[in-house]
Amino acid sequence: MDAALWLALALPLLGALVVRVAPTERSGLLAAAGALVSALPPWALLAAAGAGEGAASGFGWLPGAGLEFGLRLDGLSAAMSATVATVGLVVLVYAGGYFAGDPRRRAALAGLLAFLAAMQGLVLADGFLTLLFFWELVGAASARLIAYSRDDPAAAPGAVRAFLTTRAADVGLYLAVLALFAAGAGLGFESERPEGALGAVVGIGLVVAAMGKSAQAPLQTWLSAAMAGPTPVSALLHSATMVAAGVYLLVRSQELLAGWPLEVAGWVGALTAVAGAAIALAQSDLKRLLAGSTTSQLGLMFVAAAVGGPAVAIFHLIAHAAGKAGLF
């Protein structure tokens, strides 16, 4: 299974490179084929996890400091990887027709595949160091995709707002990782939260980072602005990828965040669930209505993760991914 872990990242990245240099008229077919091939390792990982198998593969980045870069297979990573791959396949098939006739469609399709590769790295990460690396790649790739249209005056400002809002929240993840390292707790997901001020930094930092990626109040405005991106980009961001990363972080860090950090996340999610629904009802633009709906549903996932139902949160995430991608 070690090879399948790395192939889950490498194949969509290779597909992006092939599509980028291929003839424009064949880019749609090649992108769909690349997404299909890229989905095979995640499906194999899901089957292996269902059979009770687990795996981890990595290498020492700074062995003397105990810093490693690696991937893992368990039930959570397998479910998320398969969801990302499946939704990505559907979106890439649709995108081939959506961008037909667009002279820049190779860039769009390659960008979608590269985004999938970054998201696979995020959900398969075997520790906070690896997660942080791919967390930032996901943010950068999403901003590029949102700003794709050169004719829409709202595209570039929407991408800038999304990038700056999520980057500001990502400071929390950096501080949390630094606090864990300073406390000597290690950067594994099973690390114990330190006592005192460092523990508070870890708890607050992880919750704030999750809030930013999952567009939770008061950081939800970037998601509406991101609707200036092409429809396939919106479908991917809203379903199983970028906005799902915050929920995934909460579920992956359940033990580390036990206690008051999860309570804070739960109250934030409850507030966002109500506010997002109200915002959606006030919209006349369909994509912005769906953006409000997404923030509301993500808020409910935050509540589920906070009250000790991580499996419920992931089940809701997968069901929402299937439904929301179809709506877009």
Protein backbone atom coordinates (compact mmCIF):
# COMPACT_ATOMS: atom_id res chain seq x y z
CA MET A 1 0.00 0.00 0.00
CA ASP A 2 3.00 2.32 0.33
CA ALA A 3 3.19 2.70 -3.44
CA ALA A 4 -0.53 3.47 -3.67
CA LEU A 5 -0.13 6.27 -1.12
CA TRP A 6 2.46 8.06 -3.20
CA LEU A 7 0.70 7.30 -6.49
CA ALA A 8 -2.43 9.04 -5.16
CA LEU A 9 -0.36 12.24 -5.20
CA ALA A 10 1.89 11.60 -8.16
CA LEU A 11 -0.70 10.57 -10.76
CA PRO A 12 -2.85 13.76 -10.70
CA LEU A 13 0.33 15.85 -10.72
CA LEU A 14 1.64 13.89 -13.69
CA GLY A 15 -1.74 14.29 -15.37
CA ALA A 16 -1.52 18.06 -14.88
CA LEU A 17 1.88 18.14 -16.58
CA VAL A 18 0.66 16.02 -19.51
CA VAL A 19 -2.46 18.14 -20.03
CA ARG A 20 -0.45 21.36 -19.84
CA VAL A 21 1.81 20.38 -22.76
CA ALA A 22 -0.72 18.37 -24.79
CA PRO A 23 -2.51 19.73 -27.87
CA THR A 24 -5.44 21.93 -26.86
CA GLU A 25 -8.01 19.86 -28.77
CA ARG A 26 -7.10 16.74 -26.77
CA SER A 27 -6.79 18.36 -23.36
CA GLY A 28 -10.36 17.59 -22.26
CA LEU A 29 -10.07 13.87 -22.99
CA LEU A 30 -6.61 13.67 -21.44
CA ALA A 31 -7.79 15.47 -18.29
CA ALA A 32 -10.72 13.09 -17.84
CA ALA A 33 -8.43 10.10 -18.43
CA GLY A 34 -5.90 11.51 -15.99
CA ALA A 35 -8.59 11.95 -13.33
CA LEU A 36 -9.79 8.38 -13.88
CA VAL A 37 -6.30 6.90 -13.58
CA SER A 38 -5.62 9.13 -10.56
CA ALA A 39 -8.72 7.76 -8.83
CA LEU A 40 -7.51 4.15 -8.97
CA PRO A 41 -4.98 4.34 -6.08
CA PRO A 42 -7.46 6.11 -3.72
CA TRP A 43 -10.10 3.48 -4.48
CA ALA A 44 -7.52 0.76 -3.79
CA LEU A 45 -6.64 2.49 -0.51
CA LEU A 46 -10.31 2.59 0.46
CA ALA A 47 -10.67 -1.14 -0.24
CA ALA A 48 -7.55 -1.86 1.82
CA ALA A 49 -8.75 0.25 4.72
CA GLY A 50 -12.12 -1.49 4.56
CA ALA A 51 -10.29 -4.80 4.95
CA GLY A 52 -8.61 -3.47 8.08
CA GLU A 53 -5.22 -2.68 6.56
CA GLY A 54 -3.13 0.30 7.56
CA ALA A 55 0.12 1.71 6.25
CA ALA A 56 2.55 4.58 6.66
CA SER A 57 5.36 5.71 4.39
CA GLY A 58 7.71 8.61 4.79
CA PHE A 59 11.24 9.89 5.20
CA GLY A 60 13.10 12.00 7.70
CA TRP A 61 13.18 15.67 6.76
CA LEU A 62 15.28 16.73 9.78
CA PRO A 63 15.81 13.45 11.63
CA GLY A 64 17.83 15.10 14.37
CA ALA A 65 14.83 17.26 15.25
CA GLY A 66 12.36 14.43 14.83
CA LEU A 67 10.71 16.03 11.80
CA GLU A 68 9.36 13.60 9.21
CA PHE A 69 7.48 13.99 5.94
CA GLY A 70 5.14 11.12 5.20
CA LEU A 71 1.74 9.71 4.29
CA ARG A 72 -0.58 7.31 6.11
CA LEU A 73 -3.43 4.96 5.36
CA ASP A 74 -6.23 4.59 7.87
CA GLY A 75 -9.99 4.70 7.72
CA LEU A 76 -10.21 8.51 7.75
CA SER A 77 -7.51 9.17 5.16
CA ALA A 78 -8.87 6.43 2.87
CA ALA A 79 -12.43 7.77 2.99
CA MET A 80 -11.30 11.33 2.33
CA SER A 81 -8.88 10.34 -0.44
CA ALA A 82 -11.53 8.31 -2.26
CA THR A 83 -14.07 11.13 -1.91
CA VAL A 84 -11.63 13.71 -3.30
CA ALA A 85 -10.72 11.44 -6.22
CA THR A 86 -14.31 10.55 -7.09
CA VAL A 87 -15.63 14.11 -6.98
CA GLY A 88 -12.53 15.23 -8.87
CA LEU A 89 -13.22 12.69 -11.61
CA VAL A 90 -16.80 13.90 -12.06
CA VAL A 91 -15.72 17.55 -12.09
CA LEU A 92 -12.91 16.94 -14.62
CA VAL A 93 -15.29 15.13 -16.97
CA TYR A 94 -17.70 18.06 -16.74
CA ALA A 95 -14.88 20.60 -17.08
CA GLY A 96 -13.80 19.08 -20.39
CA GLY A 97 -17.09 20.23 -21.89
CA TYR A 98 -17.33 23.43 -19.86
CA PHE A 99 -14.01 24.73 -21.19
CA ALA A 100 -14.53 23.45 -24.74
CA GLY A 101 -13.59 26.21 -27.16
CA ASP A 102 -11.65 28.12 -24.48
CA PRO A 103 -8.13 28.78 -25.81
CA ARG A 104 -6.77 28.58 -22.22
CA ARG A 105 -8.52 25.35 -21.26
CA ARG A 106 -5.23 23.45 -20.89
CA ALA A 107 -4.29 25.80 -18.05
CA ALA A 108 -7.68 25.36 -16.39
CA LEU A 109 -7.73 21.57 -16.61
CA ALA A 110 -4.10 21.25 -15.53
CA GLY A 111 -4.84 23.53 -12.60
CA LEU A 112 -7.73 21.34 -11.49
CA LEU A 113 -5.55 18.22 -11.59
CA ALA A 114 -2.74 19.95 -9.68
CA PHE A 115 -5.27 21.06 -7.09
CA LEU A 116 -6.40 17.44 -6.67
CA ALA A 117 -2.80 16.36 -6.11
CA ALA A 118 -2.37 18.95 -3.34
CA MET A 119 -5.63 17.90 -1.71
CA GLN A 120 -4.62 14.25 -1.78
CA GLY A 121 -1.43 15.16 0.04
CA LEU A 122 -3.42 17.03 2.67
CA VAL A 123 -5.82 14.20 3.50
CA LEU A 124 -3.14 11.49 3.39
CA ALA A 125 -0.63 13.43 5.53
CA ASP A 126 0.95 11.53 8.41
CA GLY A 127 1.57 14.49 10.68
CA PHE A 128 1.24 18.24 11.00
CA LEU A 129 4.44 19.00 9.07
CA THR A 130 3.23 17.21 5.94
CA LEU A 131 -0.29 18.57 6.40
CA LEU A 132 1.01 22.15 6.66
CA PHE A 133 2.96 21.77 3.41
CA PHE A 134 -0.04 20.58 1.42
CA TRP A 135 -2.41 22.91 3.30
CA GLU A 136 -0.55 25.85 1.81
CA LEU A 137 -0.40 24.30 -1.67
CA VAL A 138 -4.18 23.85 -1.60
CA GLY A 139 -4.66 27.52 -0.74
CA ALA A 140 -2.32 28.74 -3.47
CA ALA A 141 -3.80 26.43 -6.12
CA SER A 142 -7.36 27.46 -5.24
CA ALA A 143 -6.54 31.17 -5.59
CA ARG A 144 -5.11 30.53 -9.05
CA LEU A 145 -8.24 28.66 -10.11
CA ILE A 146 -10.61 31.32 -8.75
CA ALA A 147 -8.75 34.02 -10.71
CA TYR A 148 -8.85 32.01 -13.96
CA SER A 149 -11.26 34.26 -15.87
CA ARG A 150 -9.62 37.34 -17.36
CA ASP A 151 -12.93 38.76 -18.55
CA ASP A 152 -14.73 38.80 -15.20
CA PRO A 153 -13.70 41.88 -13.18
CA ALA A 154 -14.70 40.09 -9.96
CA ALA A 155 -12.39 37.10 -10.51
CA ALA A 156 -9.07 38.60 -9.42
CA PRO A 157 -10.49 40.44 -6.37
CA GLY A 158 -12.34 37.27 -5.36
CA ALA A 159 -9.13 35.26 -5.55
CA VAL A 160 -7.23 37.86 -3.54
CA ARG A 161 -9.91 37.91 -0.83
CA ALA A 162 -9.94 34.11 -0.64
CA PHE A 163 -6.15 33.95 -0.52
CA LEU A 164 -5.69 36.66 2.12
CA THR A 165 -8.54 35.48 4.35
CA THR A 166 -7.42 31.87 4.42
CA ARG A 167 -3.74 32.88 4.73
CA ALA A 168 -4.57 35.03 7.76
CA ALA A 169 -6.32 32.08 9.40
CA ASP A 170 -3.42 29.80 8.47
CA VAL A 171 -1.22 31.75 10.87
CA GLY A 172 -3.06 29.76 13.54
CA LEU A 173 -1.82 26.48 12.05
CA TYR A 174 1.76 27.77 11.93
CA LEU A 175 1.58 28.88 15.56
CA ALA A 176 0.03 25.57 16.63
CA VAL A 177 2.78 23.57 14.89
CA LEU A 178 5.49 25.79 16.41
CA ALA A 179 3.93 25.46 19.86
CA LEU A 180 3.85 21.67 19.58
CA PHE A 181 7.48 21.62 18.47
CA ALA A 182 8.55 24.01 21.23
CA ALA A 183 6.80 21.89 23.84
CA GLY A 184 8.54 18.75 22.58
CA ALA A 185 5.19 17.06 22.03
CA GLY A 186 6.04 15.96 18.50
CA LEU A 187 4.18 16.80 15.31
CA GLY A 188 2.13 13.63 15.04
CA PHE A 189 -1.65 13.79 15.03
CA GLU A 190 -1.73 11.72 18.24
CA SER A 191 0.40 14.23 20.17
CA GLU A 192 -0.89 15.46 23.52
CA ARG A 193 -1.78 19.12 23.89
CA PRO A 194 0.80 20.86 26.08
CA GLU A 195 -0.16 22.52 29.33
CA GLY A 196 -0.38 26.25 29.87
CA ALA A 197 0.13 28.94 27.25
CA LEU A 198 1.55 26.62 24.61
CA GLY A 199 -1.51 24.39 24.92
CA ALA A 200 -3.78 27.39 24.46
CA VAL A 201 -1.86 28.39 21.32
CA VAL A 202 -2.25 24.88 19.91
CA GLY A 203 -5.99 24.78 20.60
CA ILE A 204 -6.81 28.26 19.35
CA GLY A 205 -4.45 27.99 16.36
CA LEU A 206 -5.92 24.76 15.02
CA VAL A 207 -9.50 25.94 15.47
CA VAL A 208 -8.81 29.27 13.72
CA ALA A 209 -7.07 27.50 10.82
CA ALA A 210 -10.05 25.17 10.44
CA MET A 211 -12.44 28.13 10.54
CA GLY A 212 -10.57 29.88 7.73
CA LYS A 213 -10.45 26.93 5.34
CA SER A 214 -14.07 25.92 6.02
CA ALA A 215 -15.40 29.50 5.77
CA GLN A 216 -16.80 29.71 9.29
CA ALA A 217 -18.00 32.97 10.82
CA PRO A 218 -16.59 35.59 10.81
CA LEU A 219 -14.28 34.35 8.02
CA GLN A 220 -17.02 33.16 5.67
CA THR A 221 -17.05 36.08 3.22
CA TRP A 222 -14.23 34.72 1.06
CA LEU A 223 -16.39 31.84 -0.13
CA SER A 224 -19.00 34.10 -1.74
CA ALA A 225 -16.25 36.12 -3.41
CA ALA A 226 -14.74 32.89 -4.74
CA MET A 227 -17.92 32.30 -6.76
CA ALA A 228 -16.36 34.48 -9.45
CA GLY A 229 -14.36 31.41 -10.45
CA PRO A 230 -15.53 29.02 -13.20
CA THR A 231 -18.33 26.61 -12.26
CA PRO A 232 -16.09 23.48 -12.21
CA VAL A 233 -13.79 25.30 -9.76
CA SER A 234 -16.75 26.19 -7.55
CA ALA A 235 -17.98 22.60 -7.66
CA LEU A 236 -14.59 21.30 -6.57
CA LEU A 237 -13.95 23.90 -3.85
CA HIS A 238 -17.43 23.53 -2.34
CA SER A 239 -17.63 19.77 -2.23
CA ALA A 240 -14.80 17.52 -1.13
CA THR A 241 -11.74 19.71 -1.32
CA MET A 242 -10.74 23.08 0.08
CA VAL A 243 -13.69 23.88 2.32
CA ALA A 244 -13.68 20.30 3.62
CA ALA A 245 -10.11 20.71 4.86
CA GLY A 246 -11.17 22.54 8.02
CA VAL A 247 -13.60 19.80 9.01
CA TYR A 248 -10.93 17.19 8.26
CA LEU A 249 -8.46 19.04 10.51
CA LEU A 250 -10.90 19.02 13.42
CA VAL A 251 -11.64 15.31 13.00
CA ARG A 252 -7.98 14.37 12.54
CA SER A 253 -7.03 16.38 15.66
CA GLN A 254 -9.86 15.12 17.89
CA GLU A 255 -7.61 13.91 20.69
CA LEU A 256 -5.37 16.95 20.54
CA LEU A 257 -8.35 19.35 20.67
CA ALA A 258 -10.39 17.53 23.33
CA GLY A 259 -11.95 19.92 25.82
CA TRP A 260 -12.46 23.63 25.40
CA PRO A 261 -10.99 23.93 21.84
CA LEU A 262 -13.65 21.59 20.46
CA GLU A 263 -16.31 23.45 22.44
CA VAL A 264 -15.22 26.70 20.78
CA ALA A 265 -15.34 25.01 17.37
CA GLY A 266 -18.82 23.70 18.14
CA TRP A 267 -20.20 27.12 19.06
CA VAL A 268 -18.60 28.68 15.98
CA GLY A 269 -20.16 25.96 13.83
CA ALA A 270 -23.60 26.41 15.38
CA LEU A 271 -23.49 30.18 14.79
CA THR A 272 -22.31 29.69 11.20
CA ALA A 273 -24.98 27.07 10.48
CA VAL A 274 -27.71 29.59 11.30
CA ALA A 275 -25.99 32.62 9.76
CA GLY A 276 -25.04 30.80 6.57
CA ALA A 277 -28.60 29.61 6.03
CA ALA A 278 -29.92 33.15 6.57
CA ILE A 279 -27.36 34.55 4.12
CA ALA A 280 -28.33 31.92 1.53
CA LEU A 281 -32.01 32.86 1.78
CA ALA A 282 -31.17 36.48 1.04
CA GLN A 283 -29.31 35.76 -2.21
CA SER A 284 -30.65 36.22 -5.73
CA ASP A 285 -27.55 34.79 -7.42
CA LEU A 286 -27.69 30.97 -7.48
CA LYS A 287 -23.97 30.41 -6.92
CA ARG A 288 -23.93 32.76 -3.93
CA LEU A 289 -26.97 30.97 -2.56
CA LEU A 290 -25.05 27.71 -2.78
CA ALA A 291 -22.08 29.38 -1.07
CA GLY A 292 -24.25 30.33 1.90
CA SER A 293 -25.65 26.82 1.99
CA THR A 294 -22.14 25.37 2.02
CA THR A 295 -21.01 27.46 5.00
CA SER A 296 -24.17 26.44 6.85
CA GLN A 297 -23.61 22.72 6.23
CA LEU A 298 -19.95 22.98 7.17
CA GLY A 299 -21.07 24.59 10.43
CA LEU A 300 -23.16 21.51 11.18
CA MET A 301 -20.09 19.36 10.52
CA PHE A 302 -18.15 21.48 13.04
CA VAL A 303 -20.90 20.83 15.59
CA ALA A 304 -20.79 17.08 14.92
CA ALA A 305 -17.00 16.99 15.35
CA ALA A 306 -17.23 19.05 18.53
CA VAL A 307 -19.83 16.91 20.30
CA GLY A 308 -17.87 13.70 19.83
CA GLY A 309 -19.31 12.51 16.53
CA PRO A 310 -16.35 12.59 14.10
CA ALA A 311 -17.84 9.73 12.08
CA VAL A 312 -21.07 11.72 11.74
CA ALA A 313 -19.09 14.77 10.58
CA ILE A 314 -17.26 12.76 7.90
CA PHE A 315 -20.46 11.03 6.77
CA HIS A 316 -22.11 14.46 6.40
CA LEU A 317 -19.03 15.74 4.56
CA ILE A 318 -19.14 12.91 2.01
CA ALA A 319 -22.91 13.20 1.50
CA HIS A 320 -22.60 16.96 1.12
CA ALA A 321 -19.75 16.56 -1.39
CA ALA A 322 -21.85 14.32 -3.61
CA GLY A 323 -24.89 16.57 -3.47
CA LYS A 324 -23.18 19.95 -3.74
CA ALA A 325 -20.93 18.98 -6.66
CA GLY A 326 -24.04 17.84 -8.53
CA LEU A 327 -25.86 21.09 -7.76
CA PHE A 328 -23.05 23.15 -9.26
